[in-house]
Structures are given as structure tokens and as C-alpha cells.
Amino acid sequence: MASPSSSNGAPILIRPAKLSEYKILGRIASITYFPTAFTEFLSPNRLQYYSHYERGFQKRALTLMLDPRVRSMVACEATKPDVPIGYIHFKRLGDDQGSKRIIQEKASVQLWILRWLVWAWYLLLSAVVGDKDSDPKALKVFFGWAMEDNEIYWKPHKERHNRWHVQSFVVLPMFQGKGVGKRLMAEVTKRAVEENVVIGLESSPEGEIFYRRAKFDLLGKFTIHPGYEFLGDGGGFFLWTPPALKAQLDKKVS
């Protein structure tokens, strides 16, 4: 079904992403995230080395689509069904029957080989050409933060172990506010309802309003690190719980 309408009045359709579209998905992310404070922190030289900057997002998109746990959907105008205007990657974590089924649906020797080749290619590319847009120190600091916060919001909580986790969710600025993001997020929530598992994600300050409107609960803000207060008070860790599971958890508490 193609709805709602885009900024041009054309209906929107949602479909699975094609592996060959990784470059355009990387371009969507590079355009959308370019002006943010977080991107300035990680990629301070992105204007001078824009191709390096965009390549990083393309690598992430391709790597995620080759992961057997990940499902990727794109939004397109119905009149241009081969031109994505937004996308979402969501990953099934855990070791329950649902996660095993998801892995089995997509797992193959060919996919494993391709995943290894992609990893080797980008490793070689980084060694030869470099990633001149980014700040290695900032990247190291960021991954350290991610590990710290994982120990707070995800790892210790058994009810969050088996979950869908939104890895990347982007809509081009000109198409935002048109219901496109809501349609893409519905692809995750319907799976969460079917499997009776939660959805987790980390939100930027820019995305917080959307997730609150989508009935996600704020688990907590990003840990504040002195000298790195560029995120301000926005964003954080969010969780969406299916109604049936929420009723079960509430019953246990009472």
C-alpha cells in the first residue's frame, strides 16, 4: 500500500532494501547527518574529504545489509519506486527462537563469503586511502562511551536481551514531517508485536521528538562526559514495548 504523500504529493511505498542500493543509502545518511554537532565531533574534516565521509556511511549500510540478523527497508515515492528517500536498518538480537529463525531466513555460505570480502575490501581501502574525514581520537572516545552505556541500559536487563534494535533510521530532510518515518518504524513494531519482544535504540537530539510521539519510553540520557557536552540534554536511550508484553511485565511487578 502506498501512503502517505511525499513533499511532491506522490504516495509513499515501503519495500525491502536492495543490496545494490547501499551507496544511495549512504548518501541519504551523509546528507541528513552532515550539519549535526555529533557529526562535527566524529568527522570534523568531512567538507574537505566528503568522499571519505560518504564512504563511511556506505560501508555501514552494506555491512548491515549483509548481516543475517538485520532487516532493511526503504521508503520511495510511488512514482519513483527505485529511488529511496529514507531507510531503516533493524537488528534482531538475542538467542530465543525468534532470533534463530531470523538468522536462518537469511544465512547462507554466499552471504558469509560476501560479508568477509566486503570487510577485507574496506580494510584495504582504509589502509591505502585512509579515512581522512574522521578524528581517530573522537571515534575511540565514542566507542568507549557506547560500551559504557551498553552496560547500563542493555546488557544487565534480561527482558531487553531478546529485542529488535534500530541500528540506523534516516529520512531525507525534505521528506521529514510527512509520515514517512512513521511508516518505516511500523515495519519494526509489527515484528516486535508478532514476536512479543521490545525495540531498543539510541536517539540523537534531533530524533527524540519523533520517538516520544511514537510511544517510545526514555530509559536515560547519554552519559555526560566533561569536555564533550555537545549533545546537550537531547537524545538518549529509548525502548518500545508491545502492549501484550507490557501487560505481562506489569503483572509480574504487581
C-alpha atoms as a PDB file:
ATOM      1  CA  MET A   1       0.000   0.000   0.000  1.00  0.00           C
ATOM      2  CA  ALA A   2       1.378   3.408  -0.956  1.00  0.00           C
ATOM      3  CA  SER A   3       0.639   6.184   1.539  1.00  0.00           C
ATOM      4  CA  PRO A   4       1.051   8.864   2.879  1.00  0.00           C
ATOM      5  CA  SER A   5       2.114  11.538   0.379  1.00  0.00           C
ATOM      6  CA  SER A   6       5.591  12.952  -0.109  1.00  0.00           C
ATOM      7  CA  SER A   7       6.519  16.612  -0.312  1.00  0.00           C
ATOM      8  CA  ASN A   8       5.663  16.435  -4.021  1.00  0.00           C
ATOM      9  CA  GLY A   9       2.244  14.924  -3.388  1.00  0.00           C
ATOM     10  CA  ALA A  10       3.226  11.456  -4.583  1.00  0.00           C
ATOM     11  CA  PRO A  11       2.179   8.464  -2.422  1.00  0.00           C
ATOM     12  CA  ILE A  12       4.931   6.703  -0.487  1.00  0.00           C
ATOM     13  CA  LEU A  13       5.649   2.978  -0.692  1.00  0.00           C
ATOM     14  CA  ILE A  14       7.764   0.876   1.669  1.00  0.00           C
ATOM     15  CA  ARG A  15       9.776  -2.088   0.372  1.00  0.00           C
ATOM     16  CA  PRO A  16      12.822  -4.198   1.303  1.00  0.00           C
ATOM     17  CA  ALA A  17      16.148  -2.559   0.515  1.00  0.00           C
ATOM     18  CA  LYS A  18      18.230  -3.979  -2.317  1.00  0.00           C
ATOM     19  CA  LEU A  19      21.875  -4.780  -1.643  1.00  0.00           C
ATOM     20  CA  SER A  20      22.835  -2.714  -4.685  1.00  0.00           C
ATOM     21  CA  GLU A  21      21.316   0.385  -3.027  1.00  0.00           C
ATOM     22  CA  TYR A  22      23.946   0.659  -0.295  1.00  0.00           C
ATOM     23  CA  LYS A  23      25.535   3.687  -1.974  1.00  0.00           C
ATOM     24  CA  ILE A  24      22.343   5.703  -2.116  1.00  0.00           C
ATOM     25  CA  LEU A  25      21.524   4.770   1.495  1.00  0.00           C
ATOM     26  CA  GLY A  26      24.962   6.004   2.489  1.00  0.00           C
ATOM     27  CA  ARG A  27      24.309   9.214   0.577  1.00  0.00           C
ATOM     28  CA  ILE A  28      20.996   9.744   2.368  1.00  0.00           C
ATOM     29  CA  ALA A  29      22.722   9.391   5.740  1.00  0.00           C
ATOM     30  CA  SER A  30      25.655  11.611   4.792  1.00  0.00           C
ATOM     31  CA  ILE A  31      23.320  14.408   3.672  1.00  0.00           C
ATOM     32  CA  THR A  32      20.999  14.154   6.664  1.00  0.00           C
ATOM     33  CA  TYR A  33      23.669  13.944   9.372  1.00  0.00           C
ATOM     34  CA  PHE A  34      26.090  16.458   7.845  1.00  0.00           C
ATOM     35  CA  PRO A  35      25.068  19.534   9.912  1.00  0.00           C
ATOM     36  CA  THR A  36      24.734  17.847  13.316  1.00  0.00           C
ATOM     37  CA  ALA A  37      27.005  18.509  16.294  1.00  0.00           C
ATOM     38  CA  PHE A  38      27.706  14.797  16.693  1.00  0.00           C
ATOM     39  CA  THR A  39      28.908  14.519  13.096  1.00  0.00           C
ATOM     40  CA  GLU A  40      31.121  17.551  13.610  1.00  0.00           C
ATOM     41  CA  PHE A  41      32.671  15.722  16.559  1.00  0.00           C
ATOM     42  CA  LEU A  42      33.325  12.451  14.697  1.00  0.00           C
ATOM     43  CA  SER A  43      34.064  13.838  11.213  1.00  0.00           C
ATOM     44  CA  PRO A  44      35.489  17.348  11.547  1.00  0.00           C
ATOM     45  CA  ASN A  45      37.117  17.162   8.082  1.00  0.00           C
ATOM     46  CA  ARG A  46      34.038  15.936   6.217  1.00  0.00           C
ATOM     47  CA  LEU A  47      33.767  19.011   3.978  1.00  0.00           C
ATOM     48  CA  GLN A  48      37.355  18.738   2.778  1.00  0.00           C
ATOM     49  CA  TYR A  49      37.140  14.936   2.388  1.00  0.00           C
ATOM     50  CA  TYR A  50      33.493  14.458   1.566  1.00  0.00           C
ATOM     51  CA  SER A  51      34.017  11.241  -0.430  1.00  0.00           C
ATOM     52  CA  HIS A  52      35.674   9.651   2.624  1.00  0.00           C
ATOM     53  CA  TYR A  53      32.814  10.842   4.806  1.00  0.00           C
ATOM     54  CA  GLU A  54      30.147   9.409   2.488  1.00  0.00           C
ATOM     55  CA  ARG A  55      32.079   6.165   2.074  1.00  0.00           C
ATOM     56  CA  GLY A  56      31.848   5.566   5.816  1.00  0.00           C
ATOM     57  CA  PHE A  57      28.047   5.603   5.676  1.00  0.00           C
ATOM     58  CA  GLN A  58      28.042   3.398   2.584  1.00  0.00           C
ATOM     59  CA  LYS A  59      30.241   0.878   4.365  1.00  0.00           C
ATOM     60  CA  ARG A  60      27.878   0.846   7.343  1.00  0.00           C
ATOM     61  CA  ALA A  61      24.819   0.358   5.116  1.00  0.00           C
ATOM     62  CA  LEU A  62      26.398  -2.510   3.183  1.00  0.00           C
ATOM     63  CA  THR A  63      27.735  -4.192   6.325  1.00  0.00           C
ATOM     64  CA  LEU A  64      24.320  -4.079   7.976  1.00  0.00           C
ATOM     65  CA  MET A  65      22.508  -5.444   4.931  1.00  0.00           C
ATOM     66  CA  LEU A  66      24.918  -8.388   4.842  1.00  0.00           C
ATOM     67  CA  ASP A  67      24.245  -9.220   8.490  1.00  0.00           C
ATOM     68  CA  PRO A  68      21.795 -12.174   8.715  1.00  0.00           C
ATOM     69  CA  ARG A  69      20.229 -10.651  11.834  1.00  0.00           C
ATOM     70  CA  VAL A  70      19.419  -7.345  10.099  1.00  0.00           C
ATOM     71  CA  ARG A  71      16.390  -6.379   8.053  1.00  0.00           C
ATOM     72  CA  SER A  72      16.489  -3.241   5.919  1.00  0.00           C
ATOM     73  CA  MET A  73      13.522  -1.356   4.477  1.00  0.00           C
ATOM     74  CA  VAL A  74      13.395   1.738   2.280  1.00  0.00           C
ATOM     75  CA  ALA A  75      10.774   4.385   1.570  1.00  0.00           C
ATOM     76  CA  CYS A  76      10.256   5.614  -2.002  1.00  0.00           C
ATOM     77  CA  GLU A  77       7.823   7.814  -3.838  1.00  0.00           C
ATOM     78  CA  ALA A  78       5.410   5.551  -5.714  1.00  0.00           C
ATOM     79  CA  THR A  79       6.241   7.411  -8.922  1.00  0.00           C
ATOM     80  CA  LYS A  80       9.959   6.676  -8.341  1.00  0.00           C
ATOM     81  CA  PRO A  81       9.998   3.214  -6.748  1.00  0.00           C
ATOM     82  CA  ASP A  82      13.724   2.714  -7.399  1.00  0.00           C
ATOM     83  CA  VAL A  83      14.854   5.911  -5.638  1.00  0.00           C
ATOM     84  CA  PRO A  84      14.952   5.616  -1.814  1.00  0.00           C
ATOM     85  CA  ILE A  85      14.197   8.768   0.179  1.00  0.00           C
ATOM     86  CA  GLY A  86      14.635   7.145   3.583  1.00  0.00           C
ATOM     87  CA  TYR A  87      15.505   3.830   5.163  1.00  0.00           C
ATOM     88  CA  ILE A  88      15.687   1.807   8.342  1.00  0.00           C
ATOM     89  CA  HIS A  89      18.023  -0.999   9.447  1.00  0.00           C
ATOM     90  CA  PHE A  90      16.871  -3.042  12.439  1.00  0.00           C
ATOM     91  CA  LYS A  91      18.698  -5.964  14.009  1.00  0.00           C
ATOM     92  CA  ARG A  92      17.270  -8.960  15.880  1.00  0.00           C
ATOM     93  CA  LEU A  93      19.325  -9.539  18.994  1.00  0.00           C
ATOM     94  CA  GLY A  94      19.164 -12.398  21.461  1.00  0.00           C
ATOM     95  CA  ASP A  95      19.151 -16.182  21.344  1.00  0.00           C
ATOM     96  CA  ASP A  96      15.462 -17.091  21.505  1.00  0.00           C
ATOM     97  CA  GLN A  97      13.581 -18.970  18.787  1.00  0.00           C
ATOM     98  CA  GLY A  98      12.614 -15.729  17.079  1.00  0.00           C
ATOM     99  CA  SER A  99      16.216 -14.617  16.648  1.00  0.00           C
ATOM    100  CA  LYS A 100      17.276 -18.065  15.429  1.00  0.00           C
ATOM    101  CA  ARG A 101      14.506 -18.020  12.830  1.00  0.00           C
ATOM    102  CA  ILE A 102      15.558 -14.584  11.598  1.00  0.00           C
ATOM    103  CA  ILE A 103      19.169 -15.701  11.200  1.00  0.00           C
ATOM    104  CA  GLN A 104      18.160 -18.888   9.396  1.00  0.00           C
ATOM    105  CA  GLU A 105      15.973 -16.983   6.925  1.00  0.00           C
ATOM    106  CA  LYS A 106      18.927 -15.055   5.585  1.00  0.00           C
ATOM    107  CA  ALA A 107      22.009 -17.118   6.423  1.00  0.00           C
ATOM    108  CA  SER A 108      23.976 -18.658   3.549  1.00  0.00           C
ATOM    109  CA  VAL A 109      27.544 -19.527   2.616  1.00  0.00           C
ATOM    110  CA  GLN A 110      27.408 -16.971  -0.204  1.00  0.00           C
ATOM    111  CA  LEU A 111      26.382 -14.238   2.210  1.00  0.00           C
ATOM    112  CA  TRP A 112      29.177 -15.171   4.606  1.00  0.00           C
ATOM    113  CA  ILE A 113      31.755 -15.030   1.817  1.00  0.00           C
ATOM    114  CA  LEU A 114      30.451 -11.694   0.560  1.00  0.00           C
ATOM    115  CA  ARG A 115      30.486 -10.280   4.090  1.00  0.00           C
ATOM    116  CA  TRP A 116      34.122 -11.342   4.504  1.00  0.00           C
ATOM    117  CA  LEU A 117      35.096  -9.845   1.125  1.00  0.00           C
ATOM    118  CA  VAL A 118      33.417  -6.542   1.964  1.00  0.00           C
ATOM    119  CA  TRP A 119      35.225  -6.408   5.303  1.00  0.00           C
ATOM    120  CA  ALA A 120      38.577  -7.113   3.606  1.00  0.00           C
ATOM    121  CA  TRP A 121      37.936  -4.548   0.855  1.00  0.00           C
ATOM    122  CA  TYR A 122      37.104  -1.709   3.219  1.00  0.00           C
ATOM    123  CA  LEU A 123      40.039  -2.620   5.455  1.00  0.00           C
ATOM    124  CA  LEU A 124      42.365  -2.405   2.465  1.00  0.00           C
ATOM    125  CA  LEU A 125      40.748   0.842   1.305  1.00  0.00           C
ATOM    126  CA  SER A 126      41.232   2.434   4.712  1.00  0.00           C
ATOM    127  CA  ALA A 127      44.867   1.335   4.789  1.00  0.00           C
ATOM    128  CA  VAL A 128      45.639   2.656   1.295  1.00  0.00           C
ATOM    129  CA  VAL A 129      43.422   5.737   1.003  1.00  0.00           C
ATOM    130  CA  GLY A 130      42.641   6.429   4.655  1.00  0.00           C
ATOM    131  CA  ASP A 131      39.576   7.880   6.380  1.00  0.00           C
ATOM    132  CA  LYS A 132      40.656  11.494   6.364  1.00  0.00           C
ATOM    133  CA  ASP A 133      37.255  12.949   7.243  1.00  0.00           C
ATOM    134  CA  SER A 134      37.199  11.498  10.756  1.00  0.00           C
ATOM    135  CA  ASP A 135      39.065  12.098  14.000  1.00  0.00           C
ATOM    136  CA  PRO A 136      40.531   8.759  15.239  1.00  0.00           C
ATOM    137  CA  LYS A 137      40.625  10.029  18.822  1.00  0.00           C
ATOM    138  CA  ALA A 138      36.959  11.026  18.696  1.00  0.00           C
ATOM    139  CA  LEU A 139      35.993   7.621  17.272  1.00  0.00           C
ATOM    140  CA  LYS A 140      37.855   5.845  20.065  1.00  0.00           C
ATOM    141  CA  VAL A 141      36.165   8.026  22.675  1.00  0.00           C
ATOM    142  CA  PHE A 142      32.737   7.392  21.127  1.00  0.00           C
ATOM    143  CA  PHE A 143      33.124   3.599  21.092  1.00  0.00           C
ATOM    144  CA  GLY A 144      34.197   3.767  24.728  1.00  0.00           C
ATOM    145  CA  TRP A 145      31.015   5.650  25.592  1.00  0.00           C
ATOM    146  CA  ALA A 146      28.922   3.101  23.699  1.00  0.00           C
ATOM    147  CA  MET A 147      30.423   0.238  25.699  1.00  0.00           C
ATOM    148  CA  GLU A 148      29.824   2.051  28.998  1.00  0.00           C
ATOM    149  CA  ASP A 149      26.195   2.802  28.217  1.00  0.00           C
ATOM    150  CA  ASN A 150      25.578  -0.722  26.927  1.00  0.00           C
ATOM    151  CA  GLU A 151      26.481  -1.948  30.409  1.00  0.00           C
ATOM    152  CA  ILE A 152      23.837   0.379  31.858  1.00  0.00           C
ATOM    153  CA  TYR A 153      20.853   0.163  29.529  1.00  0.00           C
ATOM    154  CA  TRP A 154      21.032  -3.151  27.655  1.00  0.00           C
ATOM    155  CA  LYS A 155      23.302  -5.886  28.955  1.00  0.00           C
ATOM    156  CA  PRO A 156      22.045  -6.215  32.593  1.00  0.00           C
ATOM    157  CA  HIS A 157      18.332  -6.331  31.689  1.00  0.00           C
ATOM    158  CA  LYS A 158      17.115  -9.834  30.773  1.00  0.00           C
ATOM    159  CA  GLU A 159      13.812  -8.563  29.351  1.00  0.00           C
ATOM    160  CA  ARG A 160      15.802  -6.483  26.836  1.00  0.00           C
ATOM    161  CA  HIS A 161      18.171  -9.246  25.747  1.00  0.00           C
ATOM    162  CA  ASN A 162      15.853 -10.573  23.031  1.00  0.00           C
ATOM    163  CA  ARG A 163      14.884  -7.481  21.078  1.00  0.00           C
ATOM    164  CA  TRP A 164      14.811  -5.671  17.778  1.00  0.00           C
ATOM    165  CA  HIS A 165      17.375  -2.882  17.835  1.00  0.00           C
ATOM    166  CA  VAL A 166      17.180   0.012  15.390  1.00  0.00           C
ATOM    167  CA  GLN A 167      20.684   0.394  14.014  1.00  0.00           C
ATOM    168  CA  SER A 168      20.069   3.244  11.585  1.00  0.00           C
ATOM    169  CA  PHE A 169      16.933   5.203  10.692  1.00  0.00           C
ATOM    170  CA  VAL A 170      17.123   8.157   8.290  1.00  0.00           C
ATOM    171  CA  VAL A 171      14.715  10.175   6.155  1.00  0.00           C
ATOM    172  CA  LEU A 172      15.950  12.919   3.854  1.00  0.00           C
ATOM    173  CA  PRO A 173      15.207  16.365   5.366  1.00  0.00           C
ATOM    174  CA  MET A 174      12.870  17.408   2.538  1.00  0.00           C
ATOM    175  CA  PHE A 175      10.645  14.373   3.231  1.00  0.00           C
ATOM    176  CA  GLN A 176      10.550  14.641   7.009  1.00  0.00           C
ATOM    177  CA  GLY A 177       7.284  15.512   8.756  1.00  0.00           C
ATOM    178  CA  LYS A 178       5.233  13.706   6.086  1.00  0.00           C
ATOM    179  CA  GLY A 179       4.654  10.411   7.887  1.00  0.00           C
ATOM    180  CA  VAL A 180       7.481   8.604   6.075  1.00  0.00           C
ATOM    181  CA  GLY A 181       9.364   7.842   9.287  1.00  0.00           C
ATOM    182  CA  LYS A 182       6.189   6.539  10.910  1.00  0.00           C
ATOM    183  CA  ARG A 183       5.673   4.096   8.047  1.00  0.00           C
ATOM    184  CA  LEU A 184       9.254   2.850   8.268  1.00  0.00           C
ATOM    185  CA  MET A 185       9.090   2.415  12.041  1.00  0.00           C
ATOM    186  CA  ALA A 186       5.889   0.390  11.633  1.00  0.00           C
ATOM    187  CA  GLU A 187       7.993  -2.276   9.900  1.00  0.00           C
ATOM    188  CA  VAL A 188       9.796  -2.837  13.196  1.00  0.00           C
ATOM    189  CA  THR A 189       6.872  -2.503  15.590  1.00  0.00           C
ATOM    190  CA  LYS A 190       4.763  -5.074  13.736  1.00  0.00           C
ATOM    191  CA  ARG A 191       7.589  -7.604  14.058  1.00  0.00           C
ATOM    192  CA  ALA A 192       8.027  -6.766  17.735  1.00  0.00           C
ATOM    193  CA  VAL A 193       4.316  -7.328  18.332  1.00  0.00           C
ATOM    194  CA  GLU A 194       4.359 -10.663  16.475  1.00  0.00           C
ATOM    195  CA  GLU A 195       7.349 -11.891  18.482  1.00  0.00           C
ATOM    196  CA  ASN A 196       6.361 -10.144  21.735  1.00  0.00           C
ATOM    197  CA  VAL A 197       9.777  -8.534  22.184  1.00  0.00           C
ATOM    198  CA  VAL A 198      10.873  -4.960  22.833  1.00  0.00           C
ATOM    199  CA  ILE A 199      12.528  -2.478  20.475  1.00  0.00           C
ATOM    200  CA  GLY A 200      15.595  -0.570  21.580  1.00  0.00           C
ATOM    201  CA  LEU A 201      17.508   2.303  20.050  1.00  0.00           C
ATOM    202  CA  GLU A 202      19.792   5.239  20.674  1.00  0.00           C
ATOM    203  CA  SER A 203      18.358   8.579  19.569  1.00  0.00           C
ATOM    204  CA  SER A 204      20.101  11.765  18.555  1.00  0.00           C
ATOM    205  CA  PRO A 205      18.750  15.040  19.965  1.00  0.00           C
ATOM    206  CA  GLU A 206      17.143  15.668  16.571  1.00  0.00           C
ATOM    207  CA  GLY A 207      15.210  12.397  16.680  1.00  0.00           C
ATOM    208  CA  GLU A 208      13.950  12.497  20.250  1.00  0.00           C
ATOM    209  CA  ILE A 209      10.629  14.203  19.480  1.00  0.00           C
ATOM    210  CA  PHE A 210       9.788  11.563  16.863  1.00  0.00           C
ATOM    211  CA  TYR A 211      10.409   8.650  19.248  1.00  0.00           C
ATOM    212  CA  ARG A 212       8.407  10.210  22.039  1.00  0.00           C
ATOM    213  CA  ARG A 213       5.473  10.660  19.652  1.00  0.00           C
ATOM    214  CA  ALA A 214       5.901   7.013  18.567  1.00  0.00           C
ATOM    215  CA  LYS A 215       5.347   5.963  22.226  1.00  0.00           C
ATOM    216  CA  PHE A 216       8.935   5.031  22.985  1.00  0.00           C
ATOM    217  CA  ASP A 217       9.922   5.346  26.650  1.00  0.00           C
ATOM    218  CA  LEU A 218      13.090   7.182  27.596  1.00  0.00           C
ATOM    219  CA  LEU A 219      15.382   4.862  29.548  1.00  0.00           C
ATOM    220  CA  GLY A 220      18.005   7.505  30.179  1.00  0.00           C
ATOM    221  CA  LYS A 221      20.140  10.210  28.682  1.00  0.00           C
ATOM    222  CA  PHE A 222      23.606   9.727  27.285  1.00  0.00           C
ATOM    223  CA  THR A 223      26.259   9.739  29.968  1.00  0.00           C
ATOM    224  CA  ILE A 224      27.706  13.234  30.275  1.00  0.00           C
ATOM    225  CA  HIS A 225      31.476  13.362  29.843  1.00  0.00           C
ATOM    226  CA  PRO A 226      33.239  16.589  30.884  1.00  0.00           C
ATOM    227  CA  GLY A 227      34.554  18.416  27.853  1.00  0.00           C
ATOM    228  CA  TYR A 228      32.150  16.637  25.465  1.00  0.00           C
ATOM    229  CA  GLU A 229      28.831  18.307  26.204  1.00  0.00           C
ATOM    230  CA  PHE A 230      27.992  18.965  22.546  1.00  0.00           C
ATOM    231  CA  LEU A 231      24.893  16.726  22.648  1.00  0.00           C
ATOM    232  CA  GLY A 232      23.287  18.919  25.280  1.00  0.00           C
ATOM    233  CA  ASP A 233      20.252  17.431  27.016  1.00  0.00           C
ATOM    234  CA  GLY A 234      18.721  15.860  23.905  1.00  0.00           C
ATOM    235  CA  GLY A 235      18.591  12.259  22.773  1.00  0.00           C
ATOM    236  CA  GLY A 236      19.307   9.145  24.773  1.00  0.00           C
ATOM    237  CA  PHE A 237      18.221   5.522  25.063  1.00  0.00           C
ATOM    238  CA  PHE A 238      14.653   4.590  24.169  1.00  0.00           C
ATOM    239  CA  LEU A 239      12.507   1.465  24.466  1.00  0.00           C
ATOM    240  CA  TRP A 240       9.212   0.436  22.885  1.00  0.00           C
ATOM    241  CA  THR A 241       7.287  -2.420  24.490  1.00  0.00           C
ATOM    242  CA  PRO A 242       4.410  -4.297  22.802  1.00  0.00           C
ATOM    243  CA  PRO A 243       1.123  -3.974  24.739  1.00  0.00           C
ATOM    244  CA  ALA A 244       0.941  -7.723  25.481  1.00  0.00           C
ATOM    245  CA  LEU A 245       4.469  -7.810  26.870  1.00  0.00           C
ATOM    246  CA  LYS A 246       3.895  -4.640  28.872  1.00  0.00           C
ATOM    247  CA  ALA A 247       0.846  -6.261  30.479  1.00  0.00           C
ATOM    248  CA  GLN A 248       2.925  -9.337  31.367  1.00  0.00           C
ATOM    249  CA  LEU A 249       5.675  -7.215  32.931  1.00  0.00           C
ATOM    250  CA  ASP A 250       3.180  -5.094  34.859  1.00  0.00           C
ATOM    251  CA  LYS A 251       1.544  -8.253  36.216  1.00  0.00           C
ATOM    252  CA  LYS A 252       4.911  -9.521  37.473  1.00  0.00           C
ATOM    253  CA  VAL A 253       5.567  -6.233  39.248  1.00  0.00           C
ATOM    254  CA  SER A 254       2.151  -6.198  40.917  1.00  0.00           C
END
